[in-house]
Each structure stands twice: as structure tokens, then as C-alpha cells.
């Protein structure tokens, strides 16, 4: 039988025999399909399709107890263990505000859901083009009975192995710099009162995020090297400085707040391998790294922003801070130690 007449399920089974260590996301790329389509090919075996209001499902996730939350993009994987707490939704965003699991959820992107029983139990969610938006993995101490109750309540009565994905429209081309009111943009940047005002600022002037850093007021954005990023994170680790690391998919922003301790380089991957937090960053895919300063009512807030070749944001890093509190002087010092 030719590969052209093999079903996706059969092609995947053959692929796994030949490539037993390749993860499903990478297998999907090599097979020319989305991860969600490849996962759906195992419906009826170790995969169950879910349906219903995923907001209501997420409100039940605290009953699972201690789990691992995973959010990733093409260049960075963010894994945080803990309990889902204070799960809430408004018209625009969902929030999970636990001590360990800290998420911002954009539910318009949550299209497909699956319960997966392979190696361990998990709930996995994907956007309309079949890309993963968020995954929840049970741990040894998790409540397995609660998991099965959730799966039972949200099982799709039609357990089809076929899903129809839909590509996102191509992004609008960036405005040319000469089409932007740069003076107005810089003045409004300097007038910021809160970091959450930055995205509305970009929207007001029609400026892309990476483009904004080239147009920033003097002294408020500085390009740095990947080596400098690693040196800053290394010093944060060595000095037990608590930081915040934001990684996003289309439908979720996942935040780690705390220490980073065990830093390990493995090929192109820069890793944090701590008991409750793992980060896997493809340093070879970081096309740009910036130190960015934003004014707030609490003083200047300094971040590291990482972008890939397509100018998509890979990760965002801050010193630990709470609204109403000034930025940690120790964070500013670590930045200054590695940036001219």
C-alpha cells in the first residue's frame, strides 16, 4: 500500500515505530498536519474528544488538585506545577490566580479539546488551526476520580477521529515608520501609568510590538544579545532573585513567578529544570532580544522581550513585582551588570 492511501492513523503508527522519541508536535509537522489532527487520529483508543463550554470545564480543574500546566509557542515551553485556584471569566479574559498556576485565558481561541491517556492523564486544548493553546497533565498526587468525572461530563457524543481545522488569516502588514505619528507615540509611551496600558498604546498608533521597540523614546528600549539574556538569567539564579516569566500561545498566557535555580543547556535548548517549574527555550530561534523600560505610577518597570524571526514574541521576563510596588532594585542591578 502506498503512503498516499494510508490513513493518517496508519501513517502516525508507522512514524512512531521509526521515530519512537519524536514528540507529537514535531511528528505532526513532519506528517504535514496539525497536532490536533494527529491527536484526533487516536480517538477511540487513548484519546477522547471533549465538547461543551470549556470555561465551565476549567472551573472544575481545581478539583484535580496538584497538576502541571503547560503553555508553549514555537520557541518556548512553559511548564508549572501547582493547583488551579481562583478561576474566573469575564467577557474578555479568563483568569487563574493561584500561588503557582497563574494564567490569562483568551477563550475565543479554544476550539478543540481532548482527554488523553498516554503515559499519563491529560486535558489538551487547541485553537481553530490545530495548534495547542494549553495542556493540563495529572501528577502522582492528582485526583484521578475527579479527572474521570470531568471527562465524563464533557465527552463529545460524536467520537469522530476527523476534525476540520481553519487557518488564521494572514496578519496585516506593518505600517511603515513614516506612516506613524512617532512623536505622539513616544510622548504617550513616556506618559504610561501602568504596564497594561502598553498594548492599547500599540493599538492606538497601529504599531507592531517589535516595531515599537525600534521607535521607543531614547533610552527606553535597547537591543541585547542572547548571551546577555542568558547571563542575566544566570545571575538571577545565582543570587536567588525572584523573577516573572511570561510565555503565550494564541489562547493562553502562562506566568511563572519565583526563583529559577537549575539552569541546563542541552543542544539548542536553554532549560530551567526546577521541581515545580520547567522552561525550555530554543535560544537558536531568538532573532531579537531587548531590554524595555515602561513608566508606571510605581516608577520604571524593566523587562526583557524575546522575538523570533517572524517578529512574534517568544517570552517576556520581569523582576518579581506586585501592582502598587516599585520594581526590585536587585532586578535593575542584575540588568545593569550585563547591559552597557
C-alpha atoms as a PDB file:
ATOM      1  CA  UNK A   1       0.000   0.000   0.000  1.00  0.00           C
ATOM      2  CA  UNK A   2       1.404   3.432  -0.919  1.00  0.00           C
ATOM      3  CA  UNK A   3       1.747   6.178   1.685  1.00  0.00           C
ATOM      4  CA  UNK A   4      -0.811   8.181  -0.309  1.00  0.00           C
ATOM      5  CA  UNK A   5      -3.567   5.652   0.514  1.00  0.00           C
ATOM      6  CA  UNK A   6      -2.625   5.111   4.162  1.00  0.00           C
ATOM      7  CA  UNK A   7      -4.885   6.795   6.712  1.00  0.00           C
ATOM      8  CA  UNK A   8      -3.395   9.440   8.992  1.00  0.00           C
ATOM      9  CA  UNK A   9      -3.708   6.993  11.878  1.00  0.00           C
ATOM     10  CA  UNK A  10      -1.695   4.365   9.992  1.00  0.00           C
ATOM     11  CA  UNK A  11       0.916   6.903   8.903  1.00  0.00           C
ATOM     12  CA  UNK A  12       1.298   8.042  12.518  1.00  0.00           C
ATOM     13  CA  UNK A  13       1.639   4.466  13.773  1.00  0.00           C
ATOM     14  CA  UNK A  14       4.368   3.795  11.205  1.00  0.00           C
ATOM     15  CA  UNK A  15       6.073   7.072  12.082  1.00  0.00           C
ATOM     16  CA  UNK A  16       6.123   6.214  15.825  1.00  0.00           C
ATOM     17  CA  UNK A  17       7.733   2.839  15.119  1.00  0.00           C
ATOM     18  CA  UNK A  18      10.508   4.524  13.158  1.00  0.00           C
ATOM     19  CA  UNK A  19      10.783   7.595  15.440  1.00  0.00           C
ATOM     20  CA  UNK A  20       9.801   6.486  18.955  1.00  0.00           C
ATOM     21  CA  UNK A  21      11.278   9.549  20.704  1.00  0.00           C
ATOM     22  CA  UNK A  22       9.782  12.271  18.498  1.00  0.00           C
ATOM     23  CA  UNK A  23       7.086  14.310  20.269  1.00  0.00           C
ATOM     24  CA  UNK A  24       3.635  14.603  18.720  1.00  0.00           C
ATOM     25  CA  UNK A  25       4.033  18.306  17.852  1.00  0.00           C
ATOM     26  CA  UNK A  26       7.157  17.548  15.801  1.00  0.00           C
ATOM     27  CA  UNK A  27       5.599  14.411  14.338  1.00  0.00           C
ATOM     28  CA  UNK A  28       2.639  16.478  13.117  1.00  0.00           C
ATOM     29  CA  UNK A  29       4.974  18.861  11.302  1.00  0.00           C
ATOM     30  CA  UNK A  30       6.799  16.025   9.610  1.00  0.00           C
ATOM     31  CA  UNK A  31       3.495  14.419   8.579  1.00  0.00           C
ATOM     32  CA  UNK A  32       2.147  17.720   7.264  1.00  0.00           C
ATOM     33  CA  UNK A  33      -0.833  18.043   9.626  1.00  0.00           C
ATOM     34  CA  UNK A  34      -1.669  19.937  12.809  1.00  0.00           C
ATOM     35  CA  UNK A  35      -1.079  18.484  16.270  1.00  0.00           C
ATOM     36  CA  UNK A  36      -4.839  18.436  16.942  1.00  0.00           C
ATOM     37  CA  UNK A  37      -5.497  16.442  13.751  1.00  0.00           C
ATOM     38  CA  UNK A  38      -2.799  13.947  14.673  1.00  0.00           C
ATOM     39  CA  UNK A  39      -4.140  13.587  18.215  1.00  0.00           C
ATOM     40  CA  UNK A  40      -7.682  13.129  16.908  1.00  0.00           C
ATOM     41  CA  UNK A  41      -6.490  10.199  14.788  1.00  0.00           C
ATOM     42  CA  UNK A  42      -6.224   8.226  18.058  1.00  0.00           C
ATOM     43  CA  UNK A  43      -9.821   8.916  19.166  1.00  0.00           C
ATOM     44  CA  UNK A  44     -11.358   5.614  20.255  1.00  0.00           C
ATOM     45  CA  UNK A  45      -8.057   4.322  21.601  1.00  0.00           C
ATOM     46  CA  UNK A  46      -6.284   6.548  24.129  1.00  0.00           C
ATOM     47  CA  UNK A  47      -7.970   9.834  23.172  1.00  0.00           C
ATOM     48  CA  UNK A  48     -11.496  11.124  23.946  1.00  0.00           C
ATOM     49  CA  UNK A  49     -12.967  14.164  22.184  1.00  0.00           C
ATOM     50  CA  UNK A  50     -14.424  16.775  24.512  1.00  0.00           C
ATOM     51  CA  UNK A  51     -17.180  19.283  23.851  1.00  0.00           C
ATOM     52  CA  UNK A  52     -19.198  21.922  25.662  1.00  0.00           C
ATOM     53  CA  UNK A  53     -18.264  25.198  27.325  1.00  0.00           C
ATOM     54  CA  UNK A  54     -14.551  24.948  28.106  1.00  0.00           C
ATOM     55  CA  UNK A  55     -14.924  27.849  30.560  1.00  0.00           C
ATOM     56  CA  UNK A  56     -17.163  25.653  32.714  1.00  0.00           C
ATOM     57  CA  UNK A  57     -14.727  22.755  32.335  1.00  0.00           C
ATOM     58  CA  UNK A  58     -11.841  24.935  33.525  1.00  0.00           C
ATOM     59  CA  UNK A  59     -13.833  25.937  36.612  1.00  0.00           C
ATOM     60  CA  UNK A  60     -13.768  22.250  37.563  1.00  0.00           C
ATOM     61  CA  UNK A  61      -9.997  21.827  37.115  1.00  0.00           C
ATOM     62  CA  UNK A  62      -9.272  22.834  40.769  1.00  0.00           C
ATOM     63  CA  UNK A  63     -10.883  19.520  41.786  1.00  0.00           C
ATOM     64  CA  UNK A  64      -7.924  17.743  40.151  1.00  0.00           C
ATOM     65  CA  UNK A  65      -5.593  19.081  42.833  1.00  0.00           C
ATOM     66  CA  UNK A  66      -1.870  19.215  42.061  1.00  0.00           C
ATOM     67  CA  UNK A  67      -1.248  19.174  38.289  1.00  0.00           C
ATOM     68  CA  UNK A  68       1.170  20.505  35.695  1.00  0.00           C
ATOM     69  CA  UNK A  69       0.082  23.371  33.413  1.00  0.00           C
ATOM     70  CA  UNK A  70       1.800  23.646  30.030  1.00  0.00           C
ATOM     71  CA  UNK A  71       1.656  26.539  27.584  1.00  0.00           C
ATOM     72  CA  UNK A  72       4.014  26.888  24.653  1.00  0.00           C
ATOM     73  CA  UNK A  73       4.731  28.607  21.389  1.00  0.00           C
ATOM     74  CA  UNK A  74       7.058  27.593  18.589  1.00  0.00           C
ATOM     75  CA  UNK A  75      10.223  28.521  20.507  1.00  0.00           C
ATOM     76  CA  UNK A  76       9.441  28.153  24.214  1.00  0.00           C
ATOM     77  CA  UNK A  77       7.711  25.644  26.512  1.00  0.00           C
ATOM     78  CA  UNK A  78       6.496  26.812  29.955  1.00  0.00           C
ATOM     79  CA  UNK A  79       5.577  24.100  32.496  1.00  0.00           C
ATOM     80  CA  UNK A  80       4.345  24.998  36.004  1.00  0.00           C
ATOM     81  CA  UNK A  81       3.120  22.617  38.696  1.00  0.00           C
ATOM     82  CA  UNK A  82       0.531  23.557  41.276  1.00  0.00           C
ATOM     83  CA  UNK A  83      -3.221  23.839  41.856  1.00  0.00           C
ATOM     84  CA  UNK A  84      -5.659  25.790  39.700  1.00  0.00           C
ATOM     85  CA  UNK A  85      -7.204  28.362  42.033  1.00  0.00           C
ATOM     86  CA  UNK A  86      -9.480  31.409  41.682  1.00  0.00           C
ATOM     87  CA  UNK A  87     -10.700  30.504  38.194  1.00  0.00           C
ATOM     88  CA  UNK A  88     -12.947  33.234  36.772  1.00  0.00           C
ATOM     89  CA  UNK A  89     -14.122  34.672  33.463  1.00  0.00           C
ATOM     90  CA  UNK A  90     -15.434  37.969  32.174  1.00  0.00           C
ATOM     91  CA  UNK A  91     -16.376  38.961  28.620  1.00  0.00           C
ATOM     92  CA  UNK A  92     -12.755  39.428  27.575  1.00  0.00           C
ATOM     93  CA  UNK A  93     -10.438  37.148  29.531  1.00  0.00           C
ATOM     94  CA  UNK A  94     -10.310  34.221  31.917  1.00  0.00           C
ATOM     95  CA  UNK A  95      -8.095  34.262  34.981  1.00  0.00           C
ATOM     96  CA  UNK A  96      -6.423  31.565  37.078  1.00  0.00           C
ATOM     97  CA  UNK A  97      -4.800  33.309  40.028  1.00  0.00           C
ATOM     98  CA  UNK A  98      -3.236  30.615  42.177  1.00  0.00           C
ATOM     99  CA  UNK A  99       0.035  30.918  44.024  1.00  0.00           C
ATOM    100  CA  UNK A 100       1.634  28.590  41.467  1.00  0.00           C
ATOM    101  CA  UNK A 101      -0.667  28.407  38.432  1.00  0.00           C
ATOM    102  CA  UNK A 102      -1.104  31.930  37.032  1.00  0.00           C
ATOM    103  CA  UNK A 103      -2.902  32.195  33.669  1.00  0.00           C
ATOM    104  CA  UNK A 104      -4.679  34.621  31.356  1.00  0.00           C
ATOM    105  CA  UNK A 105      -7.137  32.776  29.116  1.00  0.00           C
ATOM    106  CA  UNK A 106      -8.496  34.007  25.778  1.00  0.00           C
ATOM    107  CA  UNK A 107     -11.325  31.587  25.168  1.00  0.00           C
ATOM    108  CA  UNK A 108     -12.265  32.639  21.636  1.00  0.00           C
ATOM    109  CA  UNK A 109      -9.196  30.634  20.568  1.00  0.00           C
ATOM    110  CA  UNK A 110     -10.190  27.416  22.410  1.00  0.00           C
ATOM    111  CA  UNK A 111     -11.761  25.312  19.644  1.00  0.00           C
ATOM    112  CA  UNK A 112     -10.902  21.634  20.245  1.00  0.00           C
ATOM    113  CA  UNK A 113     -10.481  19.670  23.482  1.00  0.00           C
ATOM    114  CA  UNK A 114      -9.269  16.153  24.199  1.00  0.00           C
ATOM    115  CA  UNK A 115      -8.719  13.883  27.181  1.00  0.00           C
ATOM    116  CA  UNK A 116      -5.539  11.914  26.559  1.00  0.00           C
ATOM    117  CA  UNK A 117      -4.432   8.734  28.332  1.00  0.00           C
ATOM    118  CA  UNK A 118      -0.921   8.154  27.068  1.00  0.00           C
ATOM    119  CA  UNK A 119       1.917   7.830  29.609  1.00  0.00           C
ATOM    120  CA  UNK A 120      -0.210   9.918  31.984  1.00  0.00           C
ATOM    121  CA  UNK A 121      -3.660  11.541  32.017  1.00  0.00           C
ATOM    122  CA  UNK A 122      -4.097  14.979  30.490  1.00  0.00           C
ATOM    123  CA  UNK A 123      -6.585  17.524  29.180  1.00  0.00           C
ATOM    124  CA  UNK A 124      -5.399  19.198  25.975  1.00  0.00           C
ATOM    125  CA  UNK A 125      -6.884  22.177  24.138  1.00  0.00           C
ATOM    126  CA  UNK A 126      -6.247  23.553  20.653  1.00  0.00           C
ATOM    127  CA  UNK A 127      -7.191  26.579  18.575  1.00  0.00           C
ATOM    128  CA  UNK A 128      -9.011  26.525  15.246  1.00  0.00           C
ATOM    129  CA  UNK A 129      -5.859  25.829  13.237  1.00  0.00           C
ATOM    130  CA  UNK A 130      -4.985  22.829  15.410  1.00  0.00           C
ATOM    131  CA  UNK A 131      -2.185  24.459  17.420  1.00  0.00           C
ATOM    132  CA  UNK A 132      -2.061  23.705  21.147  1.00  0.00           C
ATOM    133  CA  UNK A 133      -3.231  26.559  23.380  1.00  0.00           C
ATOM    134  CA  UNK A 134      -2.949  24.865  26.790  1.00  0.00           C
ATOM    135  CA  UNK A 135      -2.463  21.426  28.345  1.00  0.00           C
ATOM    136  CA  UNK A 136      -3.077  20.103  31.863  1.00  0.00           C
ATOM    137  CA  UNK A 137      -1.190  16.977  32.988  1.00  0.00           C
ATOM    138  CA  UNK A 138      -2.113  14.983  36.078  1.00  0.00           C
ATOM    139  CA  UNK A 139       0.647  14.207  38.563  1.00  0.00           C
ATOM    140  CA  UNK A 140       1.105  11.351  41.005  1.00  0.00           C
ATOM    141  CA  UNK A 141      -0.938  13.104  43.713  1.00  0.00           C
ATOM    142  CA  UNK A 142      -3.702  14.376  41.396  1.00  0.00           C
ATOM    143  CA  UNK A 143      -7.334  13.381  41.895  1.00  0.00           C
ATOM    144  CA  UNK A 144      -7.872  10.780  39.166  1.00  0.00           C
ATOM    145  CA  UNK A 145     -11.520  10.252  40.092  1.00  0.00           C
ATOM    146  CA  UNK A 146     -12.221  13.968  39.583  1.00  0.00           C
ATOM    147  CA  UNK A 147     -10.478  13.754  36.202  1.00  0.00           C
ATOM    148  CA  UNK A 148     -12.727  10.929  35.033  1.00  0.00           C
ATOM    149  CA  UNK A 149     -15.797  12.825  36.249  1.00  0.00           C
ATOM    150  CA  UNK A 150     -14.781  15.890  34.219  1.00  0.00           C
ATOM    151  CA  UNK A 151     -14.109  13.762  31.137  1.00  0.00           C
ATOM    152  CA  UNK A 152     -17.463  12.017  31.520  1.00  0.00           C
ATOM    153  CA  UNK A 153     -19.334  15.333  31.748  1.00  0.00           C
ATOM    154  CA  UNK A 154     -17.655  16.844  28.695  1.00  0.00           C
ATOM    155  CA  UNK A 155     -17.287  13.796  26.421  1.00  0.00           C
ATOM    156  CA  UNK A 156     -18.466  14.561  22.888  1.00  0.00           C
ATOM    157  CA  UNK A 157     -21.248  12.118  21.928  1.00  0.00           C
ATOM    158  CA  UNK A 158     -19.719  12.004  18.435  1.00  0.00           C
ATOM    159  CA  UNK A 159     -16.262  10.465  18.866  1.00  0.00           C
ATOM    160  CA  UNK A 160     -15.006  11.175  15.361  1.00  0.00           C
ATOM    161  CA  UNK A 161     -11.303  10.954  14.564  1.00  0.00           C
ATOM    162  CA  UNK A 162     -11.710  13.675  11.923  1.00  0.00           C
ATOM    163  CA  UNK A 163     -11.532  17.372  12.775  1.00  0.00           C
ATOM    164  CA  UNK A 164     -11.701  20.300  10.401  1.00  0.00           C
ATOM    165  CA  UNK A 165      -9.124  22.969  11.134  1.00  0.00           C
ATOM    166  CA  UNK A 166      -9.183  26.519   9.830  1.00  0.00           C
ATOM    167  CA  UNK A 167      -6.156  28.687   9.167  1.00  0.00           C
ATOM    168  CA  UNK A 168      -5.940  32.114  10.754  1.00  0.00           C
ATOM    169  CA  UNK A 169      -5.934  34.986   8.275  1.00  0.00           C
ATOM    170  CA  UNK A 170      -2.532  36.399   7.423  1.00  0.00           C
ATOM    171  CA  UNK A 171      -1.581  39.283   9.749  1.00  0.00           C
ATOM    172  CA  UNK A 172      -1.962  42.812   8.483  1.00  0.00           C
ATOM    173  CA  UNK A 173       1.324  44.176   7.134  1.00  0.00           C
ATOM    174  CA  UNK A 174       3.168  46.525   9.456  1.00  0.00           C
ATOM    175  CA  UNK A 175       2.694  50.214   8.941  1.00  0.00           C
ATOM    176  CA  UNK A 176       5.720  51.937   7.517  1.00  0.00           C
ATOM    177  CA  UNK A 177       7.513  54.081  10.084  1.00  0.00           C
ATOM    178  CA  UNK A 178       6.796  57.218   8.061  1.00  0.00           C
ATOM    179  CA  UNK A 179       3.055  56.479   8.366  1.00  0.00           C
ATOM    180  CA  UNK A 180       3.246  56.533  12.183  1.00  0.00           C
ATOM    181  CA  UNK A 181       2.982  59.571  14.441  1.00  0.00           C
ATOM    182  CA  UNK A 182       6.286  58.754  16.132  1.00  0.00           C
ATOM    183  CA  UNK A 183       6.379  61.909  18.236  1.00  0.00           C
ATOM    184  CA  UNK A 184       2.879  61.229  19.558  1.00  0.00           C
ATOM    185  CA  UNK A 185       3.715  57.561  20.149  1.00  0.00           C
ATOM    186  CA  UNK A 186       6.852  58.435  22.138  1.00  0.00           C
ATOM    187  CA  UNK A 187       5.028  61.102  24.162  1.00  0.00           C
ATOM    188  CA  UNK A 188       2.286  58.643  25.098  1.00  0.00           C
ATOM    189  CA  UNK A 189       4.913  55.998  25.949  1.00  0.00           C
ATOM    190  CA  UNK A 190       6.520  58.428  28.393  1.00  0.00           C
ATOM    191  CA  UNK A 191       3.064  59.144  29.872  1.00  0.00           C
ATOM    192  CA  UNK A 192       2.251  55.479  30.647  1.00  0.00           C
ATOM    193  CA  UNK A 193       0.886  54.862  34.150  1.00  0.00           C
ATOM    194  CA  UNK A 194       0.694  51.063  34.067  1.00  0.00           C
ATOM    195  CA  UNK A 195       2.315  48.277  32.024  1.00  0.00           C
ATOM    196  CA  UNK A 196      -1.163  47.107  30.980  1.00  0.00           C
ATOM    197  CA  UNK A 197      -1.545  50.369  29.028  1.00  0.00           C
ATOM    198  CA  UNK A 198       1.206  49.331  26.615  1.00  0.00           C
ATOM    199  CA  UNK A 199      -0.938  47.132  24.355  1.00  0.00           C
ATOM    200  CA  UNK A 200      -3.636  49.839  23.953  1.00  0.00           C
ATOM    201  CA  UNK A 201      -0.800  52.250  23.126  1.00  0.00           C
ATOM    202  CA  UNK A 202       0.350  49.984  20.287  1.00  0.00           C
ATOM    203  CA  UNK A 203      -3.202  49.660  19.015  1.00  0.00           C
ATOM    204  CA  UNK A 204      -3.792  53.426  19.161  1.00  0.00           C
ATOM    205  CA  UNK A 205      -0.868  54.123  16.828  1.00  0.00           C
ATOM    206  CA  UNK A 206      -1.114  50.934  14.741  1.00  0.00           C
ATOM    207  CA  UNK A 207       2.371  49.838  15.787  1.00  0.00           C
ATOM    208  CA  UNK A 208       3.504  46.195  15.930  1.00  0.00           C
ATOM    209  CA  UNK A 209       5.135  45.155  19.196  1.00  0.00           C
ATOM    210  CA  UNK A 210       8.620  44.524  17.845  1.00  0.00           C
ATOM    211  CA  UNK A 211       8.383  47.640  15.660  1.00  0.00           C
ATOM    212  CA  UNK A 212       7.535  49.680  18.773  1.00  0.00           C
ATOM    213  CA  UNK A 213      10.911  48.912  20.309  1.00  0.00           C
ATOM    214  CA  UNK A 214      12.687  50.471  17.323  1.00  0.00           C
ATOM    215  CA  UNK A 215      10.508  53.579  17.734  1.00  0.00           C
ATOM    216  CA  UNK A 216      10.748  53.842  21.531  1.00  0.00           C
ATOM    217  CA  UNK A 217      11.796  57.061  23.274  1.00  0.00           C
ATOM    218  CA  UNK A 218      15.559  57.295  23.648  1.00  0.00           C
ATOM    219  CA  UNK A 219      16.826  55.091  26.472  1.00  0.00           C
ATOM    220  CA  UNK A 220      13.597  53.054  26.763  1.00  0.00           C
ATOM    221  CA  UNK A 221      14.484  50.113  24.502  1.00  0.00           C
ATOM    222  CA  UNK A 222      17.896  48.570  23.913  1.00  0.00           C
ATOM    223  CA  UNK A 223      18.761  45.538  21.789  1.00  0.00           C
ATOM    224  CA  UNK A 224      20.924  42.944  23.558  1.00  0.00           C
ATOM    225  CA  UNK A 225      22.408  39.569  22.654  1.00  0.00           C
ATOM    226  CA  UNK A 226      21.197  36.091  23.560  1.00  0.00           C
ATOM    227  CA  UNK A 227      24.421  35.712  25.579  1.00  0.00           C
ATOM    228  CA  UNK A 228      23.412  38.740  27.659  1.00  0.00           C
ATOM    229  CA  UNK A 229      19.944  37.279  28.249  1.00  0.00           C
ATOM    230  CA  UNK A 230      21.495  34.037  29.500  1.00  0.00           C
ATOM    231  CA  UNK A 231      23.946  35.952  31.696  1.00  0.00           C
ATOM    232  CA  UNK A 232      21.086  37.927  33.287  1.00  0.00           C
ATOM    233  CA  UNK A 233      19.123  34.747  33.980  1.00  0.00           C
ATOM    234  CA  UNK A 234      22.274  33.087  35.290  1.00  0.00           C
ATOM    235  CA  UNK A 235      22.857  35.898  37.789  1.00  0.00           C
ATOM    236  CA  UNK A 236      19.183  35.873  38.806  1.00  0.00           C
ATOM    237  CA  UNK A 237      19.595  32.167  39.549  1.00  0.00           C
ATOM    238  CA  UNK A 238      22.907  32.569  41.384  1.00  0.00           C
ATOM    239  CA  UNK A 239      21.596  35.427  43.564  1.00  0.00           C
ATOM    240  CA  UNK A 240      18.185  33.822  44.298  1.00  0.00           C
ATOM    241  CA  UNK A 241      16.395  36.738  42.653  1.00  0.00           C
ATOM    242  CA  UNK A 242      12.708  36.092  42.053  1.00  0.00           C
ATOM    243  CA  UNK A 243      11.562  36.876  38.524  1.00  0.00           C
ATOM    244  CA  UNK A 244       8.466  36.567  36.336  1.00  0.00           C
ATOM    245  CA  UNK A 245       8.475  34.687  33.018  1.00  0.00           C
ATOM    246  CA  UNK A 246       5.505  35.046  30.654  1.00  0.00           C
ATOM    247  CA  UNK A 247       5.033  32.636  27.728  1.00  0.00           C
ATOM    248  CA  UNK A 248       1.968  32.702  25.497  1.00  0.00           C
ATOM    249  CA  UNK A 249       0.094  30.681  22.917  1.00  0.00           C
ATOM    250  CA  UNK A 250      -2.821  32.072  20.917  1.00  0.00           C
ATOM    251  CA  UNK A 251      -5.229  31.330  23.752  1.00  0.00           C
ATOM    252  CA  UNK A 252      -3.230  31.498  26.967  1.00  0.00           C
ATOM    253  CA  UNK A 253      -0.546  33.467  28.775  1.00  0.00           C
ATOM    254  CA  UNK A 254       1.198  31.412  31.478  1.00  0.00           C
ATOM    255  CA  UNK A 255       3.270  33.132  34.152  1.00  0.00           C
ATOM    256  CA  UNK A 256       5.940  31.806  36.497  1.00  0.00           C
ATOM    257  CA  UNK A 257       6.748  33.973  39.496  1.00  0.00           C
ATOM    258  CA  UNK A 258       9.610  32.912  41.718  1.00  0.00           C
ATOM    259  CA  UNK A 259      13.140  31.568  41.618  1.00  0.00           C
ATOM    260  CA  UNK A 260      14.896  29.856  38.737  1.00  0.00           C
ATOM    261  CA  UNK A 261      17.544  27.510  40.119  1.00  0.00           C
ATOM    262  CA  UNK A 262      18.794  24.694  37.909  1.00  0.00           C
ATOM    263  CA  UNK A 263      19.820  26.090  34.507  1.00  0.00           C
ATOM    264  CA  UNK A 264      20.882  23.498  31.924  1.00  0.00           C
ATOM    265  CA  UNK A 265      21.998  23.826  28.298  1.00  0.00           C
ATOM    266  CA  UNK A 266      21.066  20.875  26.051  1.00  0.00           C
ATOM    267  CA  UNK A 267      21.871  21.445  22.388  1.00  0.00           C
ATOM    268  CA  UNK A 268      19.868  24.466  21.192  1.00  0.00           C
ATOM    269  CA  UNK A 269      17.667  24.386  24.306  1.00  0.00           C
ATOM    270  CA  UNK A 270      18.230  26.654  27.316  1.00  0.00           C
ATOM    271  CA  UNK A 271      16.374  24.981  30.184  1.00  0.00           C
ATOM    272  CA  UNK A 272      15.191  25.710  33.698  1.00  0.00           C
ATOM    273  CA  UNK A 273      14.731  22.338  35.408  1.00  0.00           C
ATOM    274  CA  UNK A 274      13.274  23.003  38.860  1.00  0.00           C
ATOM    275  CA  UNK A 275      10.863  20.779  40.823  1.00  0.00           C
ATOM    276  CA  UNK A 276       7.799  22.983  40.185  1.00  0.00           C
ATOM    277  CA  UNK A 277       8.877  24.958  37.135  1.00  0.00           C
ATOM    278  CA  UNK A 278      10.436  23.919  33.828  1.00  0.00           C
ATOM    279  CA  UNK A 279      11.259  26.219  30.928  1.00  0.00           C
ATOM    280  CA  UNK A 280      12.586  25.029  27.565  1.00  0.00           C
ATOM    281  CA  UNK A 281      13.765  27.885  25.343  1.00  0.00           C
ATOM    282  CA  UNK A 282      15.165  27.434  21.829  1.00  0.00           C
ATOM    283  CA  UNK A 283      17.940  30.005  22.014  1.00  0.00           C
ATOM    284  CA  UNK A 284      18.783  29.458  18.339  1.00  0.00           C
ATOM    285  CA  UNK A 285      15.307  30.766  17.449  1.00  0.00           C
ATOM    286  CA  UNK A 286      15.734  34.061  19.320  1.00  0.00           C
ATOM    287  CA  UNK A 287      16.207  36.556  16.488  1.00  0.00           C
ATOM    288  CA  UNK A 288      15.969  39.637  18.729  1.00  0.00           C
ATOM    289  CA  UNK A 289      16.272  40.364  22.448  1.00  0.00           C
ATOM    290  CA  UNK A 290      15.507  43.729  24.033  1.00  0.00           C
ATOM    291  CA  UNK A 291      15.659  45.482  27.378  1.00  0.00           C
ATOM    292  CA  UNK A 292      12.475  47.565  27.557  1.00  0.00           C
ATOM    293  CA  UNK A 293      11.544  50.250  30.070  1.00  0.00           C
ATOM    294  CA  UNK A 294       7.993  51.434  30.707  1.00  0.00           C
ATOM    295  CA  UNK A 295       6.941  54.241  33.063  1.00  0.00           C
ATOM    296  CA  UNK A 296       4.253  53.435  35.676  1.00  0.00           C
ATOM    297  CA  UNK A 297       2.807  55.104  38.742  1.00  0.00           C
ATOM    298  CA  UNK A 298       5.229  52.915  40.720  1.00  0.00           C
ATOM    299  CA  UNK A 299       8.291  54.000  38.720  1.00  0.00           C
ATOM    300  CA  UNK A 300      10.075  52.445  35.749  1.00  0.00           C
ATOM    301  CA  UNK A 301       9.376  48.759  35.057  1.00  0.00           C
ATOM    302  CA  UNK A 302      12.101  46.904  33.145  1.00  0.00           C
ATOM    303  CA  UNK A 303      11.524  43.807  31.026  1.00  0.00           C
ATOM    304  CA  UNK A 304      13.384  41.504  28.677  1.00  0.00           C
ATOM    305  CA  UNK A 305      11.443  40.775  25.465  1.00  0.00           C
ATOM    306  CA  UNK A 306      12.396  37.950  23.106  1.00  0.00           C
ATOM    307  CA  UNK A 307      11.259  37.676  19.469  1.00  0.00           C
ATOM    308  CA  UNK A 308      11.642  35.103  16.720  1.00  0.00           C
ATOM    309  CA  UNK A 309      12.465  35.720  13.047  1.00  0.00           C
ATOM    310  CA  UNK A 310       8.804  36.365  12.258  1.00  0.00           C
ATOM    311  CA  UNK A 311       8.805  39.105  14.956  1.00  0.00           C
ATOM    312  CA  UNK A 312       6.466  37.032  17.136  1.00  0.00           C
ATOM    313  CA  UNK A 313       7.067  37.328  20.864  1.00  0.00           C
ATOM    314  CA  UNK A 314       8.682  34.248  22.411  1.00  0.00           C
ATOM    315  CA  UNK A 315       8.799  35.279  26.080  1.00  0.00           C
ATOM    316  CA  UNK A 316       8.612  38.264  28.389  1.00  0.00           C
ATOM    317  CA  UNK A 317      10.688  38.479  31.593  1.00  0.00           C
ATOM    318  CA  UNK A 318      10.384  40.867  34.567  1.00  0.00           C
ATOM    319  CA  UNK A 319      11.645  41.081  38.090  1.00  0.00           C
ATOM    320  CA  UNK A 320       9.005  39.903  40.570  1.00  0.00           C
ATOM    321  CA  UNK A 321       6.620  42.710  41.417  1.00  0.00           C
ATOM    322  CA  UNK A 322       3.076  43.396  42.532  1.00  0.00           C
ATOM    323  CA  UNK A 323       0.906  46.316  41.391  1.00  0.00           C
ATOM    324  CA  UNK A 324       1.448  49.258  43.717  1.00  0.00           C
ATOM    325  CA  UNK A 325       5.009  48.189  44.490  1.00  0.00           C
ATOM    326  CA  UNK A 326       8.163  49.573  42.840  1.00  0.00           C
ATOM    327  CA  UNK A 327      10.388  47.336  40.776  1.00  0.00           C
ATOM    328  CA  UNK A 328      13.022  45.368  42.689  1.00  0.00           C
ATOM    329  CA  UNK A 329      16.323  47.250  42.819  1.00  0.00           C
ATOM    330  CA  UNK A 330      18.070  43.867  42.656  1.00  0.00           C
ATOM    331  CA  UNK A 331      16.483  43.232  39.242  1.00  0.00           C
ATOM    332  CA  UNK A 332      17.653  46.601  37.941  1.00  0.00           C
ATOM    333  CA  UNK A 333      21.134  45.879  39.248  1.00  0.00           C
ATOM    334  CA  UNK A 334      21.307  42.483  37.512  1.00  0.00           C
ATOM    335  CA  UNK A 335      20.205  44.110  34.238  1.00  0.00           C
ATOM    336  CA  UNK A 336      22.795  46.891  34.625  1.00  0.00           C
ATOM    337  CA  UNK A 337      25.546  44.345  35.312  1.00  0.00           C
ATOM    338  CA  UNK A 338      25.123  42.859  31.832  1.00  0.00           C
ATOM    339  CA  UNK A 339      23.918  45.744  29.691  1.00  0.00           C
ATOM    340  CA  UNK A 340      26.131  48.675  28.700  1.00  0.00           C
END
